[in-house]
Amino acid sequence: MVMGAFRYGCIDRQDFSKFDMSKEALRRINLYRKTKNLEYLVDAGNMVMLAYVNGRRNGESMISIDDGIHSQKKN
């Protein structure tokens, strides 16, 4: 995120509504699964954070729920 701020400016000045951050995060996760390159996983986390920040700016809300879906242990 720090390097992105140098390249593109601070996130509070960016308009991320032009981008589908959740789709991009999933793409990066799939690349991570394929390559095992941890940088893709970090990129995916950043995309999720940017989607959250942009959603808050656009009036989306976070409603805390327990959907019953929890992490499963590896076999």
N, C-alpha and C. Protein backbone atom coordinates (compact mmCIF):
# COMPACT_ATOMS: atom_id res chain seq x y z
N MET A 1 0.82 -1.18 0.00
CA MET A 1 0.00 0.00 0.00
C MET A 1 0.87 1.26 0.00
N VAL A 2 2.02 1.18 0.65
CA VAL A 2 2.91 2.34 0.69
C VAL A 2 3.45 2.64 -0.71
N MET A 3 3.88 1.60 -1.42
CA MET A 3 4.39 1.81 -2.77
C MET A 3 3.29 2.34 -3.68
N GLY A 4 2.07 1.85 -3.51
CA GLY A 4 0.94 2.34 -4.29
C GLY A 4 0.67 3.81 -4.05
N ALA A 5 0.86 4.25 -2.80
CA ALA A 5 0.67 5.66 -2.48
C ALA A 5 1.70 6.52 -3.22
N PHE A 6 2.92 6.01 -3.34
CA PHE A 6 3.94 6.75 -4.09
C PHE A 6 3.60 6.78 -5.58
N ARG A 7 3.12 5.65 -6.09
CA ARG A 7 2.83 5.55 -7.52
C ARG A 7 1.55 6.26 -7.92
N TYR A 8 0.48 6.07 -7.12
CA TYR A 8 -0.85 6.51 -7.54
C TYR A 8 -1.47 7.59 -6.65
N GLY A 9 -0.84 7.88 -5.54
CA GLY A 9 -1.39 8.85 -4.60
C GLY A 9 -2.09 8.13 -3.45
N CYS A 10 -2.37 8.88 -2.40
CA CYS A 10 -3.01 8.32 -1.20
C CYS A 10 -4.41 7.81 -1.52
N ILE A 11 -4.84 6.76 -0.81
CA ILE A 11 -6.14 6.16 -1.12
C ILE A 11 -7.30 7.09 -0.84
N ASP A 12 -7.12 8.05 0.05
CA ASP A 12 -8.23 8.97 0.33
C ASP A 12 -8.49 9.92 -0.84
N ARG A 13 -7.59 9.94 -1.81
CA ARG A 13 -7.77 10.80 -2.99
C ARG A 13 -8.12 10.01 -4.24
N GLN A 14 -8.28 8.71 -4.11
CA GLN A 14 -8.53 7.85 -5.26
C GLN A 14 -10.02 7.51 -5.37
N ASP A 15 -10.47 7.33 -6.61
CA ASP A 15 -11.85 6.88 -6.87
C ASP A 15 -11.79 5.44 -7.35
N PHE A 16 -12.06 4.52 -6.44
CA PHE A 16 -11.99 3.10 -6.78
C PHE A 16 -13.30 2.56 -7.34
N SER A 17 -14.31 3.41 -7.45
CA SER A 17 -15.60 2.94 -7.96
C SER A 17 -15.51 2.52 -9.43
N LYS A 18 -14.44 2.90 -10.11
CA LYS A 18 -14.24 2.51 -11.51
C LYS A 18 -13.79 1.05 -11.63
N PHE A 19 -13.38 0.46 -10.52
CA PHE A 19 -12.78 -0.87 -10.54
C PHE A 19 -13.62 -1.86 -9.76
N ASP A 20 -13.59 -3.11 -10.18
CA ASP A 20 -14.27 -4.19 -9.46
C ASP A 20 -13.24 -4.86 -8.56
N MET A 21 -13.10 -4.30 -7.36
CA MET A 21 -12.04 -4.76 -6.45
C MET A 21 -12.25 -6.20 -5.99
N SER A 22 -13.50 -6.61 -5.77
CA SER A 22 -13.72 -7.99 -5.32
C SER A 22 -13.35 -8.98 -6.41
N LYS A 23 -13.65 -8.66 -7.65
CA LYS A 23 -13.28 -9.53 -8.77
C LYS A 23 -11.75 -9.60 -8.89
N GLU A 24 -11.09 -8.47 -8.72
CA GLU A 24 -9.64 -8.44 -8.79
C GLU A 24 -9.01 -9.22 -7.63
N ALA A 25 -9.61 -9.13 -6.45
CA ALA A 25 -9.10 -9.89 -5.30
C ALA A 25 -9.20 -11.39 -5.58
N LEU A 26 -10.31 -11.83 -6.13
CA LEU A 26 -10.47 -13.25 -6.45
C LEU A 26 -9.47 -13.70 -7.52
N ARG A 27 -9.23 -12.83 -8.49
CA ARG A 27 -8.24 -13.16 -9.53
C ARG A 27 -6.86 -13.35 -8.90
N ARG A 28 -6.51 -12.47 -7.97
CA ARG A 28 -5.20 -12.58 -7.31
C ARG A 28 -5.13 -13.83 -6.43
N ILE A 29 -6.23 -14.18 -5.77
CA ILE A 29 -6.24 -15.41 -4.96
C ILE A 29 -6.05 -16.63 -5.84
N ASN A 30 -6.70 -16.65 -6.99
CA ASN A 30 -6.52 -17.77 -7.92
C ASN A 30 -5.08 -17.85 -8.43
N LEU A 31 -4.46 -16.70 -8.68
CA LEU A 31 -3.05 -16.71 -9.08
C LEU A 31 -2.18 -17.24 -7.95
N TYR A 32 -2.49 -16.86 -6.72
CA TYR A 32 -1.74 -17.38 -5.57
C TYR A 32 -1.87 -18.89 -5.49
N ARG A 33 -3.08 -19.40 -5.63
CA ARG A 33 -3.29 -20.86 -5.57
C ARG A 33 -2.51 -21.59 -6.65
N LYS A 34 -2.44 -20.96 -7.82
CA LYS A 34 -1.75 -21.59 -8.94
C LYS A 34 -0.24 -21.55 -8.78
N THR A 35 0.29 -20.42 -8.29
CA THR A 35 1.74 -20.21 -8.26
C THR A 35 2.37 -20.35 -6.89
N LYS A 36 1.57 -20.26 -5.83
CA LYS A 36 2.05 -20.23 -4.43
C LYS A 36 2.92 -19.01 -4.16
N ASN A 37 2.80 -17.97 -4.98
CA ASN A 37 3.52 -16.72 -4.78
C ASN A 37 2.73 -15.87 -3.78
N LEU A 38 3.30 -15.68 -2.59
CA LEU A 38 2.62 -14.95 -1.52
C LEU A 38 2.31 -13.51 -1.87
N GLU A 39 3.01 -12.93 -2.83
CA GLU A 39 2.72 -11.55 -3.22
C GLU A 39 1.29 -11.41 -3.72
N TYR A 40 0.79 -12.43 -4.44
CA TYR A 40 -0.59 -12.39 -4.91
C TYR A 40 -1.58 -12.37 -3.75
N LEU A 41 -1.25 -13.09 -2.68
CA LEU A 41 -2.12 -13.11 -1.51
C LEU A 41 -2.15 -11.74 -0.82
N VAL A 42 -0.99 -11.10 -0.73
CA VAL A 42 -0.92 -9.76 -0.17
C VAL A 42 -1.71 -8.79 -1.05
N ASP A 43 -1.55 -8.90 -2.37
CA ASP A 43 -2.30 -8.05 -3.30
C ASP A 43 -3.81 -8.24 -3.11
N ALA A 44 -4.24 -9.48 -2.94
CA ALA A 44 -5.67 -9.77 -2.75
C ALA A 44 -6.17 -9.09 -1.48
N GLY A 45 -5.39 -9.17 -0.41
CA GLY A 45 -5.77 -8.51 0.84
C GLY A 45 -5.89 -7.00 0.66
N ASN A 46 -4.96 -6.42 -0.09
CA ASN A 46 -5.03 -4.99 -0.36
C ASN A 46 -6.28 -4.64 -1.16
N MET A 47 -6.63 -5.47 -2.15
CA MET A 47 -7.83 -5.23 -2.96
C MET A 47 -9.08 -5.27 -2.08
N VAL A 48 -9.13 -6.22 -1.15
CA VAL A 48 -10.28 -6.32 -0.25
C VAL A 48 -10.37 -5.08 0.63
N MET A 49 -9.23 -4.62 1.14
CA MET A 49 -9.24 -3.42 1.96
C MET A 49 -9.71 -2.21 1.16
N LEU A 50 -9.26 -2.09 -0.08
CA LEU A 50 -9.68 -0.97 -0.91
C LEU A 50 -11.18 -1.05 -1.22
N ALA A 51 -11.70 -2.25 -1.42
CA ALA A 51 -13.14 -2.41 -1.64
C ALA A 51 -13.91 -1.96 -0.40
N TYR A 52 -13.40 -2.27 0.77
CA TYR A 52 -14.04 -1.85 2.02
C TYR A 52 -14.03 -0.33 2.14
N VAL A 53 -12.87 0.28 1.93
CA VAL A 53 -12.74 1.73 2.05
C VAL A 53 -13.68 2.42 1.06
N ASN A 54 -13.69 1.96 -0.18
CA ASN A 54 -14.55 2.58 -1.18
C ASN A 54 -16.02 2.36 -0.86
N GLY A 55 -16.37 1.19 -0.36
CA GLY A 55 -17.75 0.92 0.02
C GLY A 55 -18.23 1.84 1.13
N ARG A 56 -17.39 2.08 2.11
CA ARG A 56 -17.74 3.01 3.20
C ARG A 56 -17.97 4.42 2.65
N ARG A 57 -17.14 4.83 1.70
CA ARG A 57 -17.30 6.15 1.10
C ARG A 57 -18.63 6.27 0.36
N ASN A 58 -19.07 5.16 -0.23
CA ASN A 58 -20.29 5.17 -1.04
C ASN A 58 -21.54 4.85 -0.24
N GLY A 59 -21.42 4.86 1.08
CA GLY A 59 -22.58 4.67 1.93
C GLY A 59 -22.95 3.23 2.19
N GLU A 60 -22.14 2.28 1.74
CA GLU A 60 -22.41 0.87 2.07
C GLU A 60 -22.15 0.69 3.56
N SER A 61 -22.82 -0.27 4.15
CA SER A 61 -22.64 -0.48 5.59
C SER A 61 -22.19 -1.90 5.86
N MET A 62 -21.60 -2.08 7.01
CA MET A 62 -21.18 -3.40 7.45
C MET A 62 -22.11 -3.82 8.58
N ILE A 63 -22.81 -4.91 8.38
CA ILE A 63 -23.72 -5.43 9.39
C ILE A 63 -23.11 -6.73 9.91
N SER A 64 -22.74 -6.74 11.16
CA SER A 64 -22.10 -7.90 11.74
C SER A 64 -23.09 -9.05 11.87
N ILE A 65 -22.74 -10.19 11.27
CA ILE A 65 -23.61 -11.37 11.31
C ILE A 65 -22.75 -12.61 11.55
N ASP A 66 -23.38 -13.67 11.98
CA ASP A 66 -22.73 -14.97 12.03
C ASP A 66 -23.44 -15.83 11.00
N ASP A 67 -22.80 -15.98 9.85
CA ASP A 67 -23.43 -16.71 8.76
C ASP A 67 -23.24 -18.23 8.89
N GLY A 68 -22.53 -18.65 9.94
CA GLY A 68 -22.33 -20.07 10.15
C GLY A 68 -21.21 -20.67 9.31
N ILE A 69 -20.57 -19.85 8.49
CA ILE A 69 -19.46 -20.32 7.66
C ILE A 69 -18.17 -19.99 8.40
N HIS A 70 -17.41 -21.04 8.74
CA HIS A 70 -16.20 -20.85 9.50
C HIS A 70 -15.04 -21.58 8.80
N SER A 71 -13.83 -21.18 9.12
CA SER A 71 -12.66 -21.79 8.51
C SER A 71 -12.62 -23.27 8.87
N GLN A 72 -12.23 -24.07 7.90
CA GLN A 72 -12.11 -25.50 8.11
C GLN A 72 -10.64 -25.89 8.16
N LYS A 73 -10.33 -26.89 8.95
CA LYS A 73 -8.97 -27.37 9.04
C LYS A 73 -8.62 -28.13 7.76
N LYS A 74 -7.33 -28.08 7.42
CA LYS A 74 -6.84 -28.84 6.27
C LYS A 74 -6.89 -30.33 6.61
N ASN A 75 -7.11 -31.13 5.61
CA ASN A 75 -7.10 -32.59 5.82
C ASN A 75 -5.70 -33.11 5.79
